Amino acid sequence: MSRSVNIQDAFLNTLRKENIPVTVYLVNGFQLRGLVRGFDNFTVIIETEGRQQLVFKHAISTFAPARNVNLQQAQAKAEAEGDANA
């Protein structure tokens, strides 16, 4: 069965799982630097200097990771885990 690819979730989940440092640019120009610790449909938890901040996605403009994120590899892992859980 083919599933639609959710790029946003794959991207954020890879940032979280691989502890990739990220700069988050907010729509008001403010920048947050840290690690993605969790996310849902509306929010992202960013850990900066040992403190967590809950940021609403509608306030985010851009995620800029410290290194490239391989979404093809992340999608393959997600599909493999999904098949194992089926």
PDB file of N, CA and C in Angstrom:
ATOM      1  N   MET A   1       0.846  -1.181   0.000  1.00  0.00           N
ATOM      2  CA  MET A   1       0.000   0.000   0.000  1.00  0.00           C
ATOM      3  C   MET A   1       0.886   1.237   0.000  1.00  0.00           C
ATOM      4  N   SER A   2       0.611   2.164  -0.873  1.00  0.00           N
ATOM      5  CA  SER A   2       1.401   3.374  -0.997  1.00  0.00           C
ATOM      6  C   SER A   2       0.851   4.460  -0.073  1.00  0.00           C
ATOM      7  N   ARG A   3       1.746   5.098   0.641  1.00  0.00           N
ATOM      8  CA  ARG A   3       1.359   6.197   1.521  1.00  0.00           C
ATOM      9  C   ARG A   3       1.873   7.501   0.935  1.00  0.00           C
ATOM     10  N   SER A   4       1.159   8.591   1.190  1.00  0.00           N
ATOM     11  CA  SER A   4       1.660   9.881   0.740  1.00  0.00           C
ATOM     12  C   SER A   4       2.820  10.295   1.645  1.00  0.00           C
ATOM     13  N   VAL A   5       3.796  10.933   1.049  1.00  0.00           N
ATOM     14  CA  VAL A   5       4.987  11.351   1.780  1.00  0.00           C
ATOM     15  C   VAL A   5       4.702  12.679   2.468  1.00  0.00           C
ATOM     16  N   ASN A   6       4.950  12.740   3.757  1.00  0.00           N
ATOM     17  CA  ASN A   6       4.806  13.980   4.505  1.00  0.00           C
ATOM     18  C   ASN A   6       6.217  14.524   4.736  1.00  0.00           C
ATOM     19  N   ILE A   7       6.642  15.427   3.877  1.00  0.00           N
ATOM     20  CA  ILE A   7       8.012  15.942   3.920  1.00  0.00           C
ATOM     21  C   ILE A   7       8.289  16.654   5.243  1.00  0.00           C
ATOM     22  N   GLN A   8       7.321  17.426   5.716  1.00  0.00           N
ATOM     23  CA  GLN A   8       7.510  18.167   6.956  1.00  0.00           C
ATOM     24  C   GLN A   8       7.824  17.227   8.116  1.00  0.00           C
ATOM     25  N   ASP A   9       7.018  16.185   8.279  1.00  0.00           N
ATOM     26  CA  ASP A   9       7.238  15.245   9.374  1.00  0.00           C
ATOM     27  C   ASP A   9       8.553  14.491   9.220  1.00  0.00           C
ATOM     28  N   ALA A  10       8.877  14.069   7.989  1.00  0.00           N
ATOM     29  CA  ALA A  10      10.136  13.354   7.747  1.00  0.00           C
ATOM     30  C   ALA A  10      11.326  14.248   8.076  1.00  0.00           C
ATOM     31  N   PHE A  11      11.262  15.507   7.675  1.00  0.00           N
ATOM     32  CA  PHE A  11      12.338  16.462   7.924  1.00  0.00           C
ATOM     33  C   PHE A  11      12.515  16.699   9.422  1.00  0.00           C
ATOM     34  N   LEU A  12      11.432  17.044  10.103  1.00  0.00           N
ATOM     35  CA  LEU A  12      11.518  17.327  11.535  1.00  0.00           C
ATOM     36  C   LEU A  12      11.921  16.094  12.336  1.00  0.00           C
ATOM     37  N   ASN A  13      11.406  14.933  11.943  1.00  0.00           N
ATOM     38  CA  ASN A  13      11.742  13.707  12.664  1.00  0.00           C
ATOM     39  C   ASN A  13      13.221  13.365  12.503  1.00  0.00           C
ATOM     40  N   THR A  14      13.777  13.600  11.328  1.00  0.00           N
ATOM     41  CA  THR A  14      15.208  13.362  11.121  1.00  0.00           C
ATOM     42  C   THR A  14      16.036  14.332  11.946  1.00  0.00           C
ATOM     43  N   LEU A  15      15.639  15.601  11.985  1.00  0.00           N
ATOM     44  CA  LEU A  15      16.336  16.569  12.837  1.00  0.00           C
ATOM     45  C   LEU A  15      16.320  16.115  14.294  1.00  0.00           C
ATOM     46  N   ARG A  16      15.171  15.607  14.731  1.00  0.00           N
ATOM     47  CA  ARG A  16      15.026  15.158  16.124  1.00  0.00           C
ATOM     48  C   ARG A  16      15.858  13.916  16.406  1.00  0.00           C
ATOM     49  N   LYS A  17      15.695  12.889  15.596  1.00  0.00           N
ATOM     50  CA  LYS A  17      16.366  11.608  15.841  1.00  0.00           C
ATOM     51  C   LYS A  17      17.881  11.702  15.756  1.00  0.00           C
ATOM     52  N   GLU A  18      18.378  12.508  14.805  1.00  0.00           N
ATOM     53  CA  GLU A  18      19.819  12.599  14.588  1.00  0.00           C
ATOM     54  C   GLU A  18      20.464  13.767  15.335  1.00  0.00           C
ATOM     55  N   ASN A  19      19.686  14.454  16.175  1.00  0.00           N
ATOM     56  CA  ASN A  19      20.189  15.588  16.962  1.00  0.00           C
ATOM     57  C   ASN A  19      20.973  16.580  16.108  1.00  0.00           C
ATOM     58  N   ILE A  20      20.388  16.964  14.990  1.00  0.00           N
ATOM     59  CA  ILE A  20      21.033  17.909  14.080  1.00  0.00           C
ATOM     60  C   ILE A  20      20.741  19.329  14.571  1.00  0.00           C
ATOM     61  N   PRO A  21      21.784  20.101  14.868  1.00  0.00           N
ATOM     62  CA  PRO A  21      21.546  21.498  15.275  1.00  0.00           C
ATOM     63  C   PRO A  21      20.838  22.257  14.156  1.00  0.00           C
ATOM     64  N   VAL A  22      19.931  23.142  14.549  1.00  0.00           N
ATOM     65  CA  VAL A  22      19.127  23.859  13.578  1.00  0.00           C
ATOM     66  C   VAL A  22      18.953  25.309  14.018  1.00  0.00           C
ATOM     67  N   THR A  23      18.904  26.183  13.030  1.00  0.00           N
ATOM     68  CA  THR A  23      18.513  27.571  13.279  1.00  0.00           C
ATOM     69  C   THR A  23      17.092  27.719  12.772  1.00  0.00           C
ATOM     70  N   VAL A  24      16.203  28.180  13.641  1.00  0.00           N
ATOM     71  CA  VAL A  24      14.803  28.374  13.288  1.00  0.00           C
ATOM     72  C   VAL A  24      14.572  29.873  13.152  1.00  0.00           C
ATOM     73  N   TYR A  25      14.162  30.284  11.970  1.00  0.00           N
ATOM     74  CA  TYR A  25      13.858  31.693  11.713  1.00  0.00           C
ATOM     75  C   TYR A  25      12.356  31.891  11.880  1.00  0.00           C
ATOM     76  N   LEU A  26      11.987  32.819  12.726  1.00  0.00           N
ATOM     77  CA  LEU A  26      10.577  33.123  12.950  1.00  0.00           C
ATOM     78  C   LEU A  26      10.128  34.238  12.004  1.00  0.00           C
ATOM     79  N   VAL A  27       8.830  34.347  11.819  1.00  0.00           N
ATOM     80  CA  VAL A  27       8.300  35.349  10.881  1.00  0.00           C
ATOM     81  C   VAL A  27       8.589  36.786  11.339  1.00  0.00           C
ATOM     82  N   ASN A  28       8.847  36.981  12.625  1.00  0.00           N
ATOM     83  CA  ASN A  28       9.169  38.324  13.118  1.00  0.00           C
ATOM     84  C   ASN A  28      10.664  38.637  13.019  1.00  0.00           C
ATOM     85  N   GLY A  29      11.452  37.701  12.424  1.00  0.00           N
ATOM     86  CA  GLY A  29      12.876  37.916  12.241  1.00  0.00           C
ATOM     87  C   GLY A  29      13.751  37.341  13.333  1.00  0.00           C
ATOM     88  N   PHE A  30      13.147  36.941  14.439  1.00  0.00           N
ATOM     89  CA  PHE A  30      13.904  36.355  15.547  1.00  0.00           C
ATOM     90  C   PHE A  30      14.465  35.003  15.132  1.00  0.00           C
ATOM     91  N   GLN A  31      15.633  34.640  15.684  1.00  0.00           N
ATOM     92  CA  GLN A  31      16.258  33.348  15.394  1.00  0.00           C
ATOM     93  C   GLN A  31      16.387  32.541  16.674  1.00  0.00           C
ATOM     94  N   LEU A  32      16.120  31.252  16.568  1.00  0.00           N
ATOM     95  CA  LEU A  32      16.349  30.309  17.653  1.00  0.00           C
ATOM     96  C   LEU A  32      17.344  29.269  17.146  1.00  0.00           C
ATOM     97  N   ARG A  33      18.371  29.003  17.940  1.00  0.00           N
ATOM     98  CA  ARG A  33      19.324  27.957  17.580  1.00  0.00           C
ATOM     99  C   ARG A  33      19.252  26.860  18.624  1.00  0.00           C
ATOM    100  N   GLY A  34      19.145  25.626  18.155  1.00  0.00           N
ATOM    101  CA  GLY A  34      19.068  24.529  19.108  1.00  0.00           C
ATOM    102  C   GLY A  34      18.761  23.217  18.433  1.00  0.00           C
ATOM    103  N   LEU A  35      18.131  22.322  19.194  1.00  0.00           N
ATOM    104  CA  LEU A  35      17.787  20.985  18.729  1.00  0.00           C
ATOM    105  C   LEU A  35      16.278  20.793  18.773  1.00  0.00           C
ATOM    106  N   VAL A  36      15.745  20.114  17.771  1.00  0.00           N
ATOM    107  CA  VAL A  36      14.321  19.774  17.770  1.00  0.00           C
ATOM    108  C   VAL A  36      14.133  18.600  18.727  1.00  0.00           C
ATOM    109  N   ARG A  37      13.297  18.767  19.717  1.00  0.00           N
ATOM    110  CA  ARG A  37      13.040  17.709  20.707  1.00  0.00           C
ATOM    111  C   ARG A  37      11.703  17.023  20.493  1.00  0.00           C
ATOM    112  N   GLY A  38      10.800  17.675  19.771  1.00  0.00           N
ATOM    113  CA  GLY A  38       9.497  17.083  19.498  1.00  0.00           C
ATOM    114  C   GLY A  38       8.682  18.022  18.635  1.00  0.00           C
ATOM    115  N   PHE A  39       7.602  17.464  18.079  1.00  0.00           N
ATOM    116  CA  PHE A  39       6.715  18.278  17.251  1.00  0.00           C
ATOM    117  C   PHE A  39       5.381  17.575  17.102  1.00  0.00           C
ATOM    118  N   ASP A  40       4.360  18.361  16.762  1.00  0.00           N
ATOM    119  CA  ASP A  40       3.051  17.815  16.417  1.00  0.00           C
ATOM    120  C   ASP A  40       2.524  18.639  15.242  1.00  0.00           C
ATOM    121  N   ASN A  41       1.226  18.598  15.019  1.00  0.00           N
ATOM    122  CA  ASN A  41       0.668  19.316  13.869  1.00  0.00           C
ATOM    123  C   ASN A  41       0.792  20.829  13.971  1.00  0.00           C
ATOM    124  N   PHE A  42       0.909  21.355  15.183  1.00  0.00           N
ATOM    125  CA  PHE A  42       0.857  22.805  15.366  1.00  0.00           C
ATOM    126  C   PHE A  42       2.086  23.411  16.025  1.00  0.00           C
ATOM    127  N   THR A  43       2.922  22.596  16.677  1.00  0.00           N
ATOM    128  CA  THR A  43       4.030  23.145  17.455  1.00  0.00           C
ATOM    129  C   THR A  43       5.319  22.354  17.246  1.00  0.00           C
ATOM    130  N   VAL A  44       6.431  22.991  17.613  1.00  0.00           N
ATOM    131  CA  VAL A  44       7.747  22.357  17.620  1.00  0.00           C
ATOM    132  C   VAL A  44       8.414  22.721  18.943  1.00  0.00           C
ATOM    133  N   ILE A  45       9.025  21.745  19.595  1.00  0.00           N
ATOM    134  CA  ILE A  45       9.786  22.016  20.811  1.00  0.00           C
ATOM    135  C   ILE A  45      11.257  22.119  20.423  1.00  0.00           C
ATOM    136  N   ILE A  46      11.854  23.270  20.716  1.00  0.00           N
ATOM    137  CA  ILE A  46      13.262  23.529  20.430  1.00  0.00           C
ATOM    138  C   ILE A  46      13.994  23.649  21.767  1.00  0.00           C
ATOM    139  N   GLU A  47      15.096  22.905  21.912  1.00  0.00           N
ATOM    140  CA  GLU A  47      15.914  23.016  23.111  1.00  0.00           C
ATOM    141  C   GLU A  47      17.119  23.896  22.805  1.00  0.00           C
ATOM    142  N   THR A  48      17.248  24.961  23.585  1.00  0.00           N
ATOM    143  CA  THR A  48      18.341  25.920  23.428  1.00  0.00           C
ATOM    144  C   THR A  48      18.987  26.157  24.779  1.00  0.00           C
ATOM    145  N   GLU A  49      20.292  25.911  24.869  1.00  0.00           N
ATOM    146  CA  GLU A  49      21.052  26.140  26.103  1.00  0.00           C
ATOM    147  C   GLU A  49      20.393  25.470  27.303  1.00  0.00           C
ATOM    148  N   GLY A  50      19.927  24.239  27.117  1.00  0.00           N
ATOM    149  CA  GLY A  50      19.334  23.476  28.212  1.00  0.00           C
ATOM    150  C   GLY A  50      17.898  23.835  28.540  1.00  0.00           C
ATOM    151  N   ARG A  51      17.316  24.781  27.818  1.00  0.00           N
ATOM    152  CA  ARG A  51      15.934  25.195  28.055  1.00  0.00           C
ATOM    153  C   ARG A  51      15.089  24.849  26.843  1.00  0.00           C
ATOM    154  N   GLN A  52      13.867  24.425  27.089  1.00  0.00           N
ATOM    155  CA  GLN A  52      12.961  24.082  26.000  1.00  0.00           C
ATOM    156  C   GLN A  52      11.991  25.229  25.738  1.00  0.00           C
ATOM    157  N   GLN A  53      11.695  25.421  24.436  1.00  0.00           N
ATOM    158  CA  GLN A  53      10.719  26.429  24.040  1.00  0.00           C
ATOM    159  C   GLN A  53       9.711  25.772  23.113  1.00  0.00           C
ATOM    160  N   LEU A  54       8.452  25.999  23.372  1.00  0.00           N
ATOM    161  CA  LEU A  54       7.377  25.522  22.513  1.00  0.00           C
ATOM    162  C   LEU A  54       7.070  26.638  21.514  1.00  0.00           C
ATOM    163  N   VAL A  55       7.287  26.355  20.233  1.00  0.00           N
ATOM    164  CA  VAL A  55       7.102  27.362  19.186  1.00  0.00           C
ATOM    165  C   VAL A  55       5.958  26.917  18.288  1.00  0.00           C
ATOM    166  N   PHE A  56       5.026  27.804  18.038  1.00  0.00           N
ATOM    167  CA  PHE A  56       3.924  27.489  17.142  1.00  0.00           C
ATOM    168  C   PHE A  56       4.408  27.530  15.704  1.00  0.00           C
ATOM    169  N   LYS A  57       4.025  26.540  14.916  1.00  0.00           N
ATOM    170  CA  LYS A  57       4.497  26.442  13.532  1.00  0.00           C
ATOM    171  C   LYS A  57       4.102  27.658  12.701  1.00  0.00           C
ATOM    172  N   HIS A  58       2.962  28.257  12.982  1.00  0.00           N
ATOM    173  CA  HIS A  58       2.561  29.418  12.180  1.00  0.00           C
ATOM    174  C   HIS A  58       3.492  30.605  12.395  1.00  0.00           C
ATOM    175  N   ALA A  59       4.323  30.552  13.451  1.00  0.00           N
ATOM    176  CA  ALA A  59       5.284  31.628  13.720  1.00  0.00           C
ATOM    177  C   ALA A  59       6.638  31.360  13.074  1.00  0.00           C
ATOM    178  N   ILE A  60       6.804  30.175  12.465  1.00  0.00           N
ATOM    179  CA  ILE A  60       8.089  29.788  11.884  1.00  0.00           C
ATOM    180  C   ILE A  60       8.106  30.095  10.389  1.00  0.00           C
ATOM    181  N   SER A  61       9.216  30.685   9.967  1.00  0.00           N
ATOM    182  CA  SER A  61       9.435  30.951   8.550  1.00  0.00           C
ATOM    183  C   SER A  61      10.272  29.835   7.928  1.00  0.00           C
ATOM    184  N   THR A  62      11.426  29.510   8.558  1.00  0.00           N
ATOM    185  CA  THR A  62      12.399  28.620   7.943  1.00  0.00           C
ATOM    186  C   THR A  62      13.145  27.809   8.994  1.00  0.00           C
ATOM    187  N   PHE A  63      13.474  26.557   8.643  1.00  0.00           N
ATOM    188  CA  PHE A  63      14.402  25.736   9.412  1.00  0.00           C
ATOM    189  C   PHE A  63      15.692  25.665   8.604  1.00  0.00           C
ATOM    190  N   ALA A  64      16.825  25.958   9.223  1.00  0.00           N
ATOM    191  CA  ALA A  64      18.118  25.862   8.555  1.00  0.00           C
ATOM    192  C   ALA A  64      19.010  24.915   9.356  1.00  0.00           C
ATOM    193  N   PRO A  65      19.065  23.637   8.949  1.00  0.00           N
ATOM    194  CA  PRO A  65      19.885  22.673   9.688  1.00  0.00           C
ATOM    195  C   PRO A  65      21.373  22.909   9.457  1.00  0.00           C
ATOM    196  N   ALA A  66      22.193  22.472  10.418  1.00  0.00           N
ATOM    197  CA  ALA A  66      23.638  22.638  10.338  1.00  0.00           C
ATOM    198  C   ALA A  66      24.246  21.772   9.240  1.00  0.00           C
ATOM    199  N   ARG A  67      23.545  20.716   8.852  1.00  0.00           N
ATOM    200  CA  ARG A  67      23.998  19.871   7.745  1.00  0.00           C
ATOM    201  C   ARG A  67      22.776  19.419   6.959  1.00  0.00           C
ATOM    202  N   ASN A  68      23.014  18.890   5.776  1.00  0.00           N
ATOM    203  CA  ASN A  68      21.912  18.441   4.934  1.00  0.00           C
ATOM    204  C   ASN A  68      21.173  17.270   5.561  1.00  0.00           C
ATOM    205  N   VAL A  69      19.885  17.193   5.296  1.00  0.00           N
ATOM    206  CA  VAL A  69      19.031  16.108   5.784  1.00  0.00           C
ATOM    207  C   VAL A  69      18.676  15.234   4.588  1.00  0.00           C
ATOM    208  N   ASN A  70      18.941  13.935   4.699  1.00  0.00           N
ATOM    209  CA  ASN A  70      18.647  12.993   3.618  1.00  0.00           C
ATOM    210  C   ASN A  70      17.227  12.468   3.795  1.00  0.00           C
ATOM    211  N   LEU A  71      16.275  13.060   3.075  1.00  0.00           N
ATOM    212  CA  LEU A  71      14.869  12.675   3.226  1.00  0.00           C
ATOM    213  C   LEU A  71      14.578  11.315   2.604  1.00  0.00           C
ATOM    214  N   GLN A  72      15.307  10.932   1.568  1.00  0.00           N
ATOM    215  CA  GLN A  72      15.084   9.612   0.963  1.00  0.00           C
ATOM    216  C   GLN A  72      15.422   8.517   1.960  1.00  0.00           C
ATOM    217  N   GLN A  73      16.526   8.681   2.664  1.00  0.00           N
ATOM    218  CA  GLN A  73      16.920   7.701   3.672  1.00  0.00           C
ATOM    219  C   GLN A  73      15.904   7.698   4.828  1.00  0.00           C
ATOM    220  N   ALA A  74      15.451   8.868   5.238  1.00  0.00           N
ATOM    221  CA  ALA A  74      14.475   8.963   6.321  1.00  0.00           C
ATOM    222  C   ALA A  74      13.162   8.298   5.926  1.00  0.00           C
ATOM    223  N   GLN A  75      12.735   8.504   4.679  1.00  0.00           N
ATOM    224  CA  GLN A  75      11.488   7.898   4.205  1.00  0.00           C
ATOM    225  C   GLN A  75      11.610   6.377   4.153  1.00  0.00           C
ATOM    226  N   ALA A  76      12.758   5.879   3.707  1.00  0.00           N
ATOM    227  CA  ALA A  76      12.977   4.434   3.635  1.00  0.00           C
ATOM    228  C   ALA A  76      12.933   3.814   5.031  1.00  0.00           C
ATOM    229  N   LYS A  77      13.532   4.488   6.011  1.00  0.00           N
ATOM    230  CA  LYS A  77      13.499   3.998   7.393  1.00  0.00           C
ATOM    231  C   LYS A  77      12.068   3.975   7.930  1.00  0.00           C
ATOM    232  N   ALA A  78      11.319   5.042   7.658  1.00  0.00           N
ATOM    233  CA  ALA A  78       9.936   5.129   8.135  1.00  0.00           C
ATOM    234  C   ALA A  78       9.084   4.018   7.529  1.00  0.00           C
ATOM    235  N   GLU A  79       9.280   3.759   6.240  1.00  0.00           N
ATOM    236  CA  GLU A  79       8.520   2.696   5.580  1.00  0.00           C
ATOM    237  C   GLU A  79       8.891   1.329   6.147  1.00  0.00           C
ATOM    238  N   ALA A  80      10.182   1.103   6.412  1.00  0.00           N
ATOM    239  CA  ALA A  80      10.631  -0.163   6.979  1.00  0.00           C
ATOM    240  C   ALA A  80      10.048  -0.372   8.370  1.00  0.00           C
ATOM    241  N   GLU A  81      10.022   0.686   9.176  1.00  0.00           N
ATOM    242  CA  GLU A  81       9.443   0.591  10.513  1.00  0.00           C
ATOM    243  C   GLU A  81       7.946   0.349  10.439  1.00  0.00           C
ATOM    244  N   GLY A  82       7.292   0.998   9.474  1.00  0.00           N
ATOM    245  CA  GLY A  82       5.853   0.793   9.295  1.00  0.00           C
ATOM    246  C   GLY A  82       5.534  -0.625   8.891  1.00  0.00           C
ATOM    247  N   ASP A  83       6.344  -1.217   8.000  1.00  0.00           N
ATOM    248  CA  ASP A  83       6.153  -2.605   7.575  1.00  0.00           C
ATOM    249  C   ASP A  83       6.387  -3.561   8.730  1.00  0.00           C
ATOM    250  N   ALA A  84       7.359  -3.246   9.586  1.00  0.00           N
ATOM    251  CA  ALA A  84       7.655  -4.108  10.728  1.00  0.00           C
ATOM    252  C   ALA A  84       6.530  -4.074  11.755  1.00  0.00           C
ATOM    253  N   ASN A  85       5.840  -2.930  11.848  1.00  0.00           N
ATOM    254  CA  ASN A  85       4.754  -2.782  12.821  1.00  0.00           C
ATOM    255  C   ASN A  85       3.421  -3.294  12.291  1.00  0.00           C
ATOM    256  N   ALA A  86       3.328  -3.590  11.006  1.00  0.00           N
ATOM    257  CA  ALA A  86       2.061  -4.036  10.409  1.00  0.00           C
ATOM    258  C   ALA A  86       1.756  -5.484  10.711  1.00  0.00           C
TER     259      ALA A  86
END
